[in-house]
Structures are given as C-alpha cells and as structure tokens.
C-alpha atoms as a PDB file:
ATOM      1  CA  UNK A   1      53.657 163.430  95.356  1.00  0.00           C
ATOM      2  CA  UNK A   2      56.307 165.509  93.552  1.00  0.00           C
ATOM      3  CA  UNK A   3      59.864 165.631  94.823  1.00  0.00           C
ATOM      4  CA  UNK A   4      61.148 168.928  96.089  1.00  0.00           C
ATOM      5  CA  UNK A   5      64.647 170.326  96.116  1.00  0.00           C
ATOM      6  CA  UNK A   6      65.936 171.298  99.532  1.00  0.00           C
ATOM      7  CA  UNK A   7      68.989 173.584  99.876  1.00  0.00           C
ATOM      8  CA  UNK A   8      70.684 174.999 102.929  1.00  0.00           C
ATOM      9  CA  UNK A   9      72.567 178.309 102.707  1.00  0.00           C
ATOM     10  CA  UNK A  10      74.133 179.951 105.764  1.00  0.00           C
ATOM     11  CA  UNK A  11      71.877 178.096 108.169  1.00  0.00           C
ATOM     12  CA  UNK A  12      68.636 178.963 106.254  1.00  0.00           C
ATOM     13  CA  UNK A  13      66.619 176.151 104.675  1.00  0.00           C
ATOM     14  CA  UNK A  14      64.952 176.932 101.339  1.00  0.00           C
ATOM     15  CA  UNK A  15      62.420 174.613  99.673  1.00  0.00           C
ATOM     16  CA  UNK A  16      62.061 175.047  95.918  1.00  0.00           C
ATOM     17  CA  UNK A  17      59.165 173.308  94.133  1.00  0.00           C
ATOM     18  CA  UNK A  18      59.952 171.311  91.002  1.00  0.00           C
ATOM     19  CA  UNK A  19      58.686 172.391  87.620  1.00  0.00           C
ATOM     20  CA  UNK A  20      55.351 170.939  86.511  1.00  0.00           C
ATOM     21  CA  UNK A  21      56.921 168.897  83.672  1.00  0.00           C
ATOM     22  CA  UNK A  22      59.350 167.092  86.038  1.00  0.00           C
ATOM     23  CA  UNK A  23      59.145 163.331  86.252  1.00  0.00           C
ATOM     24  CA  UNK A  24      57.664 162.089  89.475  1.00  0.00           C
ATOM     25  CA  UNK A  25      59.251 158.954  90.981  1.00  0.00           C
ATOM     26  CA  UNK A  26      57.163 156.840  93.200  1.00  0.00           C
ATOM     27  CA  UNK A  27      58.795 154.598  95.785  1.00  0.00           C
ATOM     28  CA  UNK A  28      58.341 150.883  95.227  1.00  0.00           C
ATOM     29  CA  UNK A  29      58.892 148.424  98.082  1.00  0.00           C
ATOM     30  CA  UNK A  30      60.551 145.037  97.391  1.00  0.00           C
ATOM     31  CA  UNK A  31      59.868 142.612 100.258  1.00  0.00           C
ATOM     32  CA  UNK A  32      62.827 140.358 101.327  1.00  0.00           C
ATOM     33  CA  UNK A  33      61.867 136.712 100.929  1.00  0.00           C
ATOM     34  CA  UNK A  34      63.413 134.111 103.297  1.00  0.00           C
ATOM     35  CA  UNK A  35      65.483 131.235 101.786  1.00  0.00           C
ATOM     36  CA  UNK A  36      63.485 128.178 100.839  1.00  0.00           C
ATOM     37  CA  UNK A  37      63.101 125.657 103.619  1.00  0.00           C
ATOM     38  CA  UNK A  38      64.648 122.222 103.107  1.00  0.00           C
ATOM     39  CA  UNK A  39      62.212 119.658 101.807  1.00  0.00           C
ATOM     40  CA  UNK A  40      60.553 117.750 104.523  1.00  0.00           C
ATOM     41  CA  UNK A  41      61.180 114.008 104.384  1.00  0.00           C
ATOM     42  CA  UNK A  42      58.117 112.083 103.413  1.00  0.00           C
ATOM     43  CA  UNK A  43      59.222 108.830 105.042  1.00  0.00           C
ATOM     44  CA  UNK A  44      61.833 107.337 107.354  1.00  0.00           C
ATOM     45  CA  UNK A  45      63.936 106.328 104.365  1.00  0.00           C
ATOM     46  CA  UNK A  46      64.049 109.894 103.058  1.00  0.00           C
ATOM     47  CA  UNK A  47      64.994 111.142 106.505  1.00  0.00           C
ATOM     48  CA  UNK A  48      67.829 108.615 106.685  1.00  0.00           C
ATOM     49  CA  UNK A  49      69.089 109.641 103.237  1.00  0.00           C
ATOM     50  CA  UNK A  50      69.034 113.336 104.210  1.00  0.00           C
ATOM     51  CA  UNK A  51      70.942 112.612 107.420  1.00  0.00           C
ATOM     52  CA  UNK A  52      73.561 110.641 105.514  1.00  0.00           C
ATOM     53  CA  UNK A  53      73.987 113.496 103.033  1.00  0.00           C
ATOM     54  CA  UNK A  54      74.340 115.993 105.853  1.00  0.00           C
ATOM     55  CA  UNK A  55      76.948 113.839 107.602  1.00  0.00           C
ATOM     56  CA  UNK A  56      78.840 113.384 104.337  1.00  0.00           C
ATOM     57  CA  UNK A  57      78.897 117.134 103.693  1.00  0.00           C
ATOM     58  CA  UNK A  58      80.153 117.814 107.227  1.00  0.00           C
ATOM     59  CA  UNK A  59      82.834 115.157 106.810  1.00  0.00           C
ATOM     60  CA  UNK A  60      84.020 116.627 103.508  1.00  0.00           C
ATOM     61  CA  UNK A  61      84.119 120.124 104.988  1.00  0.00           C
ATOM     62  CA  UNK A  62      86.166 119.259 108.062  1.00  0.00           C
ATOM     63  CA  UNK A  63      88.224 116.357 106.707  1.00  0.00           C
ATOM     64  CA  UNK A  64      91.146 118.639 105.875  1.00  0.00           C
ATOM     65  CA  UNK A  65      91.245 119.997 109.414  1.00  0.00           C
ATOM     66  CA  UNK A  66      92.574 118.346 112.540  1.00  0.00           C
ATOM     67  CA  UNK A  67      93.901 114.787 112.778  1.00  0.00           C
ATOM     68  CA  UNK A  68      94.129 112.364 109.881  1.00  0.00           C
ATOM     69  CA  UNK A  69      93.226 109.354 112.048  1.00  0.00           C
ATOM     70  CA  UNK A  70      90.308 107.262 110.858  1.00  0.00           C
ATOM     71  CA  UNK A  71      88.856 103.844 111.518  1.00  0.00           C
ATOM     72  CA  UNK A  72      91.214 102.292 109.010  1.00  0.00           C
ATOM     73  CA  UNK A  73      94.391 103.983 110.281  1.00  0.00           C
ATOM     74  CA  UNK A  74      93.747 103.781 114.027  1.00  0.00           C
ATOM     75  CA  UNK A  75      93.828 100.717 116.244  1.00  0.00           C
ATOM     76  CA  UNK A  76      90.653  98.679 116.621  1.00  0.00           C
ATOM     77  CA  UNK A  77      90.145  95.763 119.044  1.00  0.00           C
ATOM     78  CA  UNK A  78      89.466  93.336 116.175  1.00  0.00           C
ATOM     79  CA  UNK A  79      92.663  94.148 114.263  1.00  0.00           C
ATOM     80  CA  UNK A  80      94.943  91.534 115.929  1.00  0.00           C
ATOM     81  CA  UNK A  81      92.469  88.820 114.926  1.00  0.00           C
ATOM     82  CA  UNK A  82      91.512  89.839 111.386  1.00  0.00           C
ATOM     83  CA  UNK A  83      94.438  92.074 110.391  1.00  0.00           C
ATOM     84  CA  UNK A  84      97.511  90.944 112.359  1.00  0.00           C
ATOM     85  CA  UNK A  85     100.801  92.793 112.369  1.00  0.00           C
ATOM     86  CA  UNK A  86     103.448  91.479 109.912  1.00  0.00           C
ATOM     87  CA  UNK A  87     106.605  90.030 111.497  1.00  0.00           C
ATOM     88  CA  UNK A  88     108.799  92.915 110.330  1.00  0.00           C
ATOM     89  CA  UNK A  89     106.378  95.570 111.643  1.00  0.00           C
ATOM     90  CA  UNK A  90     105.831  94.393 115.208  1.00  0.00           C
ATOM     91  CA  UNK A  91     106.967  96.900 117.852  1.00  0.00           C
ATOM     92  CA  UNK A  92     107.336  96.994 121.600  1.00  0.00           C
ATOM     93  CA  UNK A  93     104.461  99.472 121.832  1.00  0.00           C
ATOM     94  CA  UNK A  94     102.101  96.956 120.197  1.00  0.00           C
ATOM     95  CA  UNK A  95     103.118  94.285 122.705  1.00  0.00           C
ATOM     96  CA  UNK A  96     102.766  96.753 125.561  1.00  0.00           C
ATOM     97  CA  UNK A  97      99.304  97.843 124.387  1.00  0.00           C
ATOM     98  CA  UNK A  98      98.140  94.221 124.275  1.00  0.00           C
ATOM     99  CA  UNK A  99      99.193  93.625 127.884  1.00  0.00           C
ATOM    100  CA  UNK A 100     101.960  91.151 127.062  1.00  0.00           C
ATOM    101  CA  UNK A 101     104.139  92.525 129.900  1.00  0.00           C
ATOM    102  CA  UNK A 102     101.752  91.544 132.710  1.00  0.00           C
ATOM    103  CA  UNK A 103     102.704  88.319 134.426  1.00  0.00           C
ATOM    104  CA  UNK A 104     101.288  86.437 137.398  1.00  0.00           C
ATOM    105  CA  UNK A 105     101.731  87.167 141.073  1.00  0.00           C
ATOM    106  CA  UNK A 106     105.318  87.487 142.228  1.00  0.00           C
ATOM    107  CA  UNK A 107     104.815  84.580 144.640  1.00  0.00           C
ATOM    108  CA  UNK A 108     104.168  82.265 141.651  1.00  0.00           C
ATOM    109  CA  UNK A 109     107.329  83.234 139.755  1.00  0.00           C
ATOM    110  CA  UNK A 110     109.324  80.249 138.528  1.00  0.00           C
ATOM    111  CA  UNK A 111     113.086  80.463 139.126  1.00  0.00           C
ATOM    112  CA  UNK A 112     113.775  79.501 135.508  1.00  0.00           C
ATOM    113  CA  UNK A 113     111.756  82.544 134.377  1.00  0.00           C
ATOM    114  CA  UNK A 114     113.999  85.058 136.155  1.00  0.00           C
ATOM    115  CA  UNK A 115     116.044  85.968 133.010  1.00  0.00           C
ATOM    116  CA  UNK A 116     112.821  87.158 131.338  1.00  0.00           C
ATOM    117  CA  UNK A 117     111.436  89.119 134.313  1.00  0.00           C
ATOM    118  CA  UNK A 118     111.906  92.893 134.406  1.00  0.00           C
ATOM    119  CA  UNK A 119     110.784  93.273 138.012  1.00  0.00           C
ATOM    120  CA  UNK A 120     107.678  93.402 140.180  1.00  0.00           C
ATOM    121  CA  UNK A 121     105.053  96.095 140.678  1.00  0.00           C
ATOM    122  CA  UNK A 122     102.135  95.901 143.112  1.00  0.00           C
ATOM    123  CA  UNK A 123     102.897  92.230 143.633  1.00  0.00           C
ATOM    124  CA  UNK A 124     102.730  91.443 139.885  1.00  0.00           C
ATOM    125  CA  UNK A 125     105.685  90.185 137.854  1.00  0.00           C
ATOM    126  CA  UNK A 126     106.508  92.459 134.921  1.00  0.00           C
ATOM    127  CA  UNK A 127     107.813  90.618 131.852  1.00  0.00           C
ATOM    128  CA  UNK A 128     110.757  92.177 130.027  1.00  0.00           C
ATOM    129  CA  UNK A 129     109.512  92.829 126.485  1.00  0.00           C
ATOM    130  CA  UNK A 130     113.080  93.432 125.314  1.00  0.00           C
ATOM    131  CA  UNK A 131     113.419  89.641 125.501  1.00  0.00           C
ATOM    132  CA  UNK A 132     109.938  88.934 124.148  1.00  0.00           C
ATOM    133  CA  UNK A 133     110.326  90.735 120.812  1.00  0.00           C
ATOM    134  CA  UNK A 134     113.522  89.016 119.566  1.00  0.00           C
ATOM    135  CA  UNK A 135     112.297  85.608 120.747  1.00  0.00           C
ATOM    136  CA  UNK A 136     109.014  86.172 118.949  1.00  0.00           C
ATOM    137  CA  UNK A 137     110.859  87.085 115.748  1.00  0.00           C
ATOM    138  CA  UNK A 138     112.977  83.945 116.111  1.00  0.00           C
ATOM    139  CA  UNK A 139     109.810  81.857 116.396  1.00  0.00           C
ATOM    140  CA  UNK A 140     108.423  83.581 113.284  1.00  0.00           C
ATOM    141  CA  UNK A 141     111.558  82.609 111.371  1.00  0.00           C
ATOM    142  CA  UNK A 142     111.085  78.991 112.477  1.00  0.00           C
ATOM    143  CA  UNK A 143     107.460  78.929 111.272  1.00  0.00           C
ATOM    144  CA  UNK A 144     108.462  80.533 107.962  1.00  0.00           C
ATOM    145  CA  UNK A 145     111.243  77.982 107.403  1.00  0.00           C
ATOM    146  CA  UNK A 146     108.980  75.026 108.191  1.00  0.00           C
ATOM    147  CA  UNK A 147     106.280  76.264 105.811  1.00  0.00           C
ATOM    148  CA  UNK A 148     108.837  77.019 103.102  1.00  0.00           C
ATOM    149  CA  UNK A 149     109.917  73.363 103.209  1.00  0.00           C
ATOM    150  CA  UNK A 150     106.296  72.210 102.814  1.00  0.00           C
ATOM    151  CA  UNK A 151     105.951  71.369 106.500  1.00  0.00           C
ATOM    152  CA  UNK A 152     102.723  71.308 108.501  1.00  0.00           C
ATOM    153  CA  UNK A 153     102.100  73.592 111.496  1.00  0.00           C
ATOM    154  CA  UNK A 154      99.579  72.809 114.237  1.00  0.00           C
ATOM    155  CA  UNK A 155      98.130  75.773 116.188  1.00  0.00           C
ATOM    156  CA  UNK A 156      96.764  74.755 119.595  1.00  0.00           C
ATOM    157  CA  UNK A 157      94.484  76.908 121.754  1.00  0.00           C
ATOM    158  CA  UNK A 158      92.146  74.871 123.924  1.00  0.00           C
ATOM    159  CA  UNK A 159      90.419  77.785 125.656  1.00  0.00           C
ATOM    160  CA  UNK A 160      87.069  78.944 124.316  1.00  0.00           C
ATOM    161  CA  UNK A 161      88.413  82.488 123.868  1.00  0.00           C
ATOM    162  CA  UNK A 162      91.303  81.235 121.695  1.00  0.00           C
ATOM    163  CA  UNK A 163      89.225  79.221 119.231  1.00  0.00           C
ATOM    164  CA  UNK A 164      88.747  81.994 116.671  1.00  0.00           C
ATOM    165  CA  UNK A 165      92.452  82.906 116.828  1.00  0.00           C
ATOM    166  CA  UNK A 166      93.726  79.398 116.020  1.00  0.00           C
ATOM    167  CA  UNK A 167      91.096  78.917 113.301  1.00  0.00           C
ATOM    168  CA  UNK A 168      92.140  82.146 111.580  1.00  0.00           C
ATOM    169  CA  UNK A 169      95.817  81.223 111.889  1.00  0.00           C
ATOM    170  CA  UNK A 170      95.297  77.823 110.264  1.00  0.00           C
ATOM    171  CA  UNK A 171      93.244  79.355 107.443  1.00  0.00           C
ATOM    172  CA  UNK A 172      96.032  81.785 106.564  1.00  0.00           C
ATOM    173  CA  UNK A 173      98.465  78.942 105.932  1.00  0.00           C
ATOM    174  CA  UNK A 174      96.083  76.937 103.754  1.00  0.00           C
ATOM    175  CA  UNK A 175      96.852  73.235 103.442  1.00  0.00           C
ATOM    176  CA  UNK A 176      99.991  73.621 105.605  1.00  0.00           C
ATOM    177  CA  UNK A 177      98.081  74.890 108.643  1.00  0.00           C
ATOM    178  CA  UNK A 178      96.028  72.910 111.172  1.00  0.00           C
ATOM    179  CA  UNK A 179      94.282  73.897 114.383  1.00  0.00           C
ATOM    180  CA  UNK A 180      93.121  72.327 117.634  1.00  0.00           C
ATOM    181  CA  UNK A 181      90.607  74.217 119.767  1.00  0.00           C
ATOM    182  CA  UNK A 182      89.304  71.310 121.858  1.00  0.00           C
ATOM    183  CA  UNK A 183      90.879  68.976 124.392  1.00  0.00           C
ATOM    184  CA  UNK A 184      93.910  67.039 123.211  1.00  0.00           C
ATOM    185  CA  UNK A 185      93.297  63.302 123.195  1.00  0.00           C
ATOM    186  CA  UNK A 186      96.132  61.528 124.950  1.00  0.00           C
ATOM    187  CA  UNK A 187      98.063  59.124 122.770  1.00  0.00           C
ATOM    188  CA  UNK A 188      97.276  60.812 119.459  1.00  0.00           C
ATOM    189  CA  UNK A 189     100.976  60.908 118.581  1.00  0.00           C
ATOM    190  CA  UNK A 190     102.450  58.121 120.681  1.00  0.00           C
ATOM    191  CA  UNK A 191      99.638  55.588 120.284  1.00  0.00           C
ATOM    192  CA  UNK A 192      98.182  56.503 116.897  1.00  0.00           C
ATOM    193  CA  UNK A 193      97.712  52.911 115.701  1.00  0.00           C
ATOM    194  CA  UNK A 194      95.277  52.151 118.502  1.00  0.00           C
ATOM    195  CA  UNK A 195      93.361  55.396 117.972  1.00  0.00           C
ATOM    196  CA  UNK A 196      93.253  55.761 114.163  1.00  0.00           C
ATOM    197  CA  UNK A 197      93.972  52.232 113.017  1.00  0.00           C
ATOM    198  CA  UNK A 198      97.002  50.734 111.318  1.00  0.00           C
ATOM    199  CA  UNK A 199      95.793  51.353 107.755  1.00  0.00           C
ATOM    200  CA  UNK A 200      95.151  55.058 108.329  1.00  0.00           C
ATOM    201  CA  UNK A 201      98.542  55.657 109.931  1.00  0.00           C
ATOM    202  CA  UNK A 202     100.251  54.081 106.930  1.00  0.00           C
ATOM    203  CA  UNK A 203      98.339  56.041 104.293  1.00  0.00           C
ATOM    204  CA  UNK A 204      98.314  59.500 105.927  1.00  0.00           C
ATOM    205  CA  UNK A 205     100.840  61.610 107.769  1.00  0.00           C
ATOM    206  CA  UNK A 206      99.462  62.376 111.219  1.00  0.00           C
ATOM    207  CA  UNK A 207     102.626  63.900 112.761  1.00  0.00           C
ATOM    208  CA  UNK A 208     102.963  67.705 112.433  1.00  0.00           C
ATOM    209  CA  UNK A 209     106.319  69.306 111.739  1.00  0.00           C
ATOM    210  CA  UNK A 210     105.783  72.133 114.246  1.00  0.00           C
ATOM    211  CA  UNK A 211     103.344  72.794 117.110  1.00  0.00           C
ATOM    212  CA  UNK A 212     102.436  76.301 118.336  1.00  0.00           C
ATOM    213  CA  UNK A 213     100.772  76.383 121.784  1.00  0.00           C
ATOM    214  CA  UNK A 214      98.915  79.434 123.080  1.00  0.00           C
ATOM    215  CA  UNK A 215      98.250  77.875 126.512  1.00  0.00           C
ATOM    216  CA  UNK A 216     101.007  75.318 127.070  1.00  0.00           C
ATOM    217  CA  UNK A 217     100.326  74.817 130.771  1.00  0.00           C
ATOM    218  CA  UNK A 218      96.957  73.231 129.921  1.00  0.00           C
ATOM    219  CA  UNK A 219      98.478  70.953 127.275  1.00  0.00           C
ATOM    220  CA  UNK A 220     101.339  69.254 129.077  1.00  0.00           C
ATOM    221  CA  UNK A 221     100.320  65.867 127.669  1.00  0.00           C
ATOM    222  CA  UNK A 222     100.706  67.203 124.131  1.00  0.00           C
ATOM    223  CA  UNK A 223     104.096  68.718 124.981  1.00  0.00           C
ATOM    224  CA  UNK A 224     105.352  65.401 126.345  1.00  0.00           C
ATOM    225  CA  UNK A 225     104.181  63.568 123.232  1.00  0.00           C
ATOM    226  CA  UNK A 226     105.905  66.152 121.012  1.00  0.00           C
ATOM    227  CA  UNK A 227     109.125  65.665 122.972  1.00  0.00           C
ATOM    228  CA  UNK A 228     108.815  61.887 122.538  1.00  0.00           C
ATOM    229  CA  UNK A 229     108.330  62.291 118.763  1.00  0.00           C
ATOM    230  CA  UNK A 230     111.048  64.976 118.477  1.00  0.00           C
ATOM    231  CA  UNK A 231     108.571  67.605 117.239  1.00  0.00           C
ATOM    232  CA  UNK A 232     109.676  71.235 117.820  1.00  0.00           C
ATOM    233  CA  UNK A 233     107.283  73.349 119.872  1.00  0.00           C
ATOM    234  CA  UNK A 234     106.624  77.079 120.238  1.00  0.00           C
ATOM    235  CA  UNK A 235     104.713  78.335 123.266  1.00  0.00           C
ATOM    236  CA  UNK A 236     103.625  81.495 125.090  1.00  0.00           C
ATOM    237  CA  UNK A 237     105.317  81.218 128.482  1.00  0.00           C
ATOM    238  CA  UNK A 238     104.024  83.208 131.444  1.00  0.00           C
ATOM    239  CA  UNK A 239     105.888  83.883 134.682  1.00  0.00           C
ATOM    240  CA  UNK A 240     104.355  80.828 136.379  1.00  0.00           C
ATOM    241  CA  UNK A 241     105.576  78.403 133.667  1.00  0.00           C
ATOM    242  CA  UNK A 242     109.003  76.869 133.206  1.00  0.00           C
ATOM    243  CA  UNK A 243     110.344  78.125 129.826  1.00  0.00           C
ATOM    244  CA  UNK A 244     112.188  74.830 129.277  1.00  0.00           C
ATOM    245  CA  UNK A 245     109.025  72.855 128.565  1.00  0.00           C
ATOM    246  CA  UNK A 246     108.994  74.097 124.945  1.00  0.00           C
ATOM    247  CA  UNK A 247     111.793  74.410 122.427  1.00  0.00           C
ATOM    248  CA  UNK A 248     111.111  78.056 121.430  1.00  0.00           C
ATOM    249  CA  UNK A 249     109.568  79.949 124.369  1.00  0.00           C
ATOM    250  CA  UNK A 250     107.924  83.367 123.976  1.00  0.00           C
ATOM    251  CA  UNK A 251     107.730  85.125 127.371  1.00  0.00           C
ATOM    252  CA  UNK A 252     104.384  86.934 127.447  1.00  0.00           C
ATOM    253  CA  UNK A 253     101.035  87.050 129.191  1.00  0.00           C
ATOM    254  CA  UNK A 254      99.186  83.837 128.327  1.00  0.00           C
ATOM    255  CA  UNK A 255      95.929  85.017 129.973  1.00  0.00           C
ATOM    256  CA  UNK A 256      95.444  87.969 127.610  1.00  0.00           C
ATOM    257  CA  UNK A 257      93.367  87.206 124.524  1.00  0.00           C
ATOM    258  CA  UNK A 258      94.759  90.255 122.714  1.00  0.00           C
ATOM    259  CA  UNK A 259      98.317  89.076 123.339  1.00  0.00           C
ATOM    260  CA  UNK A 260      97.520  85.586 122.059  1.00  0.00           C
ATOM    261  CA  UNK A 261      95.815  86.972 118.943  1.00  0.00           C
ATOM    262  CA  UNK A 262      98.752  89.289 118.271  1.00  0.00           C
ATOM    263  CA  UNK A 263     101.360  86.522 118.597  1.00  0.00           C
ATOM    264  CA  UNK A 264      99.521  83.790 116.701  1.00  0.00           C
ATOM    265  CA  UNK A 265      98.552  86.265 113.980  1.00  0.00           C
ATOM    266  CA  UNK A 266     102.173  87.262 113.469  1.00  0.00           C
ATOM    267  CA  UNK A 267     103.312  83.610 113.400  1.00  0.00           C
ATOM    268  CA  UNK A 268     100.597  82.675 110.902  1.00  0.00           C
ATOM    269  CA  UNK A 269     101.606  85.547 108.605  1.00  0.00           C
ATOM    270  CA  UNK A 270     105.189  84.298 108.755  1.00  0.00           C
ATOM    271  CA  UNK A 271     103.928  80.833 107.789  1.00  0.00           C
ATOM    272  CA  UNK A 272     101.938  82.357 104.933  1.00  0.00           C
ATOM    273  CA  UNK A 273     105.095  84.045 103.675  1.00  0.00           C
ATOM    274  CA  UNK A 274     106.869  80.675 103.767  1.00  0.00           C
ATOM    275  CA  UNK A 275     104.075  79.030 101.755  1.00  0.00           C
ATOM    276  CA  UNK A 276     104.230  81.811  99.172  1.00  0.00           C
ATOM    277  CA  UNK A 277     108.020  81.487  98.955  1.00  0.00           C
ATOM    278  CA  UNK A 278     107.643  77.731  98.421  1.00  0.00           C
ATOM    279  CA  UNK A 279     105.160  78.328  95.599  1.00  0.00           C
ATOM    280  CA  UNK A 280     107.441  80.875  93.944  1.00  0.00           C
ATOM    281  CA  UNK A 281     110.413  78.496  94.188  1.00  0.00           C
ATOM    282  CA  UNK A 282     108.412  75.666  92.630  1.00  0.00           C
ATOM    283  CA  UNK A 283     107.287  77.905  89.766  1.00  0.00           C
ATOM    284  CA  UNK A 284     110.874  79.038  89.130  1.00  0.00           C
ATOM    285  CA  UNK A 285     112.114  75.470  89.247  1.00  0.00           C
ATOM    286  CA  UNK A 286     109.465  74.335  86.756  1.00  0.00           C
ATOM    287  CA  UNK A 287     110.296  77.203  84.383  1.00  0.00           C
ATOM    288  CA  UNK A 288     114.015  76.398  84.496  1.00  0.00           C
ATOM    289  CA  UNK A 289     113.308  72.728  83.861  1.00  0.00           C
ATOM    290  CA  UNK A 290     111.302  73.563  80.746  1.00  0.00           C
ATOM    291  CA  UNK A 291     114.089  75.795  79.421  1.00  0.00           C
ATOM    292  CA  UNK A 292     116.799  73.184  79.992  1.00  0.00           C
ATOM    293  CA  UNK A 293     114.803  70.305  78.519  1.00  0.00           C
ATOM    294  CA  UNK A 294     116.229  69.439  75.036  1.00  0.00           C
ATOM    295  CA  UNK A 295     113.799  69.556  72.112  1.00  0.00           C
ATOM    296  CA  UNK A 296     112.520  66.211  71.033  1.00  0.00           C
ATOM    297  CA  UNK A 297     113.187  64.921  67.506  1.00  0.00           C
ATOM    298  CA  UNK A 298     110.180  64.838  65.301  1.00  0.00           C
ATOM    299  CA  UNK A 299     109.164  61.299  64.357  1.00  0.00           C
ATOM    300  CA  UNK A 300     110.214  60.384  60.894  1.00  0.00           C
ATOM    301  CA  UNK A 301     107.460  59.328  58.521  1.00  0.00           C
ATOM    302  CA  UNK A 302     107.441  56.063  56.715  1.00  0.00           C
ATOM    303  CA  UNK A 303     108.597  55.923  53.132  1.00  0.00           C
ATOM    304  CA  UNK A 304     105.230  54.928  51.804  1.00  0.00           C
ATOM    305  CA  UNK A 305     103.695  58.056  53.388  1.00  0.00           C
ATOM    306  CA  UNK A 306     105.621  60.214  50.928  1.00  0.00           C
ATOM    307  CA  UNK A 307     104.913  58.087  47.876  1.00  0.00           C
END
C-alpha cells in the first residue's frame, strides 16, 4: 500500500496521493526476545556452585555498604580459647562481656574479699573489675618474668570444662608450660620420693616454678603443698574464696568458662612472650660471644713439610 500525504489547512483535511514512481515502504515488525534464562543445574554440585557464585556476587555488591564487621573482626565464642587477648590489649569491656564481674550469693561473701567487691545486686555479689584488671596484668608480668628466666609454669584446671583451656595454655609456652586437667595426687610435691622413686627425683626436676589455678577452691591440697615448697601461685578468686590462699589473686568469676579461658589465655600469651624474649637474649649473647672471641693462631707446619 502506497503512503499518502495528509495536510491540514484551516481545519480542512486534504489527502494527496503520491506519484506512481514513489518508493513504497512496507512496515517490518521486529519481535522483542526475552533475555536468556540462566542455565539449569544438571546436578546438585552444579546447583551448589551456582548458589556460591550468587552469594559471592551479592557479597561483593553490598560489601562497601553498611558495617565493616565480619566473622574475623567481630567477637566469636571460641576466640578466648583459640585466639586470646594479648596482655596489653585486655579491657574492662572484655572482662564484663565474659561475666567476670558476677560473684556468688551475698550470704557466701568472705570478709577478706570485701576490698574487691563492688556491691550486691539481686542477692549476688558484684566483683569490682577496676581491681581485677590491674591484678591480672600483675599476674601476667609474673608469668612473663618466670618464663623469661627459663622457668616452668603449671596450669591447673581440674574441671572437665577447663581441660581444653589448660591444654592450649601449656602448648603456647612450649617446653616451659605444663598442664593438669585431672585430680591432683596428694604428696606429689611433698612426698615425691615415695611416689616417683628416689632415682627419678634426682635425675629430673619435678617442682614447677609457678602454678596457675583456675579453680583453687577444688585444689586446696595443691595450694598447701606449693606453700610448703615456697612455690608462687596465681589463682582466680571468687567472692566465696579467701584471697589470701594464693600469692597473686585475681578476683573474678571462677564458675564462668569464658572468664577462665580469657584469663588463662592472656597469662599463656604473656608466658609465650617471656619464652621468646629468652630466646632472643640467648641469640644475642651467643652472637656477642663469637665477636669477642679472639682468633686462634694457625698451627705452624713442621720444617720438613716445607722441604
């Protein structure tokens, strides 16, 4: 069909036919095709791969928006055990989050614990963390000094829930760290000859230089033996325990596993720093000894060797 020219002049419509030699344009329809559908997964593995790709693309798109917190930067319940806080980075908020401020019932408060008590709430003694933090740092300095002088540290936690914490703490200190997660055998320190034999006590050193107790109230026999052998002790002291039973008390909640993991992890890191400082001092001492050692004279050959 030929196109016609339509003109409108003063309200009158005039249709003028085109000349016979005019080019006739025919309308051509171009159908709109929908976007290709995503490939259908052929198996469960392909479906898992596609889901992972989709999650990765969403994460990349929205990673620049909102909070920067992630699994690595935010707190996780396993962090005090596997990634403890260094001694210089511990804060009151970390102690508060672990429940270190919760003591026992106010009726069980020991009079000697009053200087470390903040008050009572709902019948529960609240421990003053302003005393806990400096005393914990003092204990960390003691562990670091003992390890720096090649001393041995024994971590004691005889509850089933404390076994992994004391094992991890001893592993961080290497050959200078030891752990006890079972019942203490009475007389191990005071009557070692009868238990181990006279030959073994002469050949090996069975007396630790420092003992760290996570539940001191359940290990009073060990504390008495340490006092008899003049071994310094560090212990987590709750409101129902006399702080004078150990040499370096740390007022905190001894029933909280998170608190115990936080404290023993910090102390073990301090011991690890002491071991590393001891190794660096030994390396420096060996290097200085080699520099100061005079060169030896070369042996003179016999006369007949040169003839």
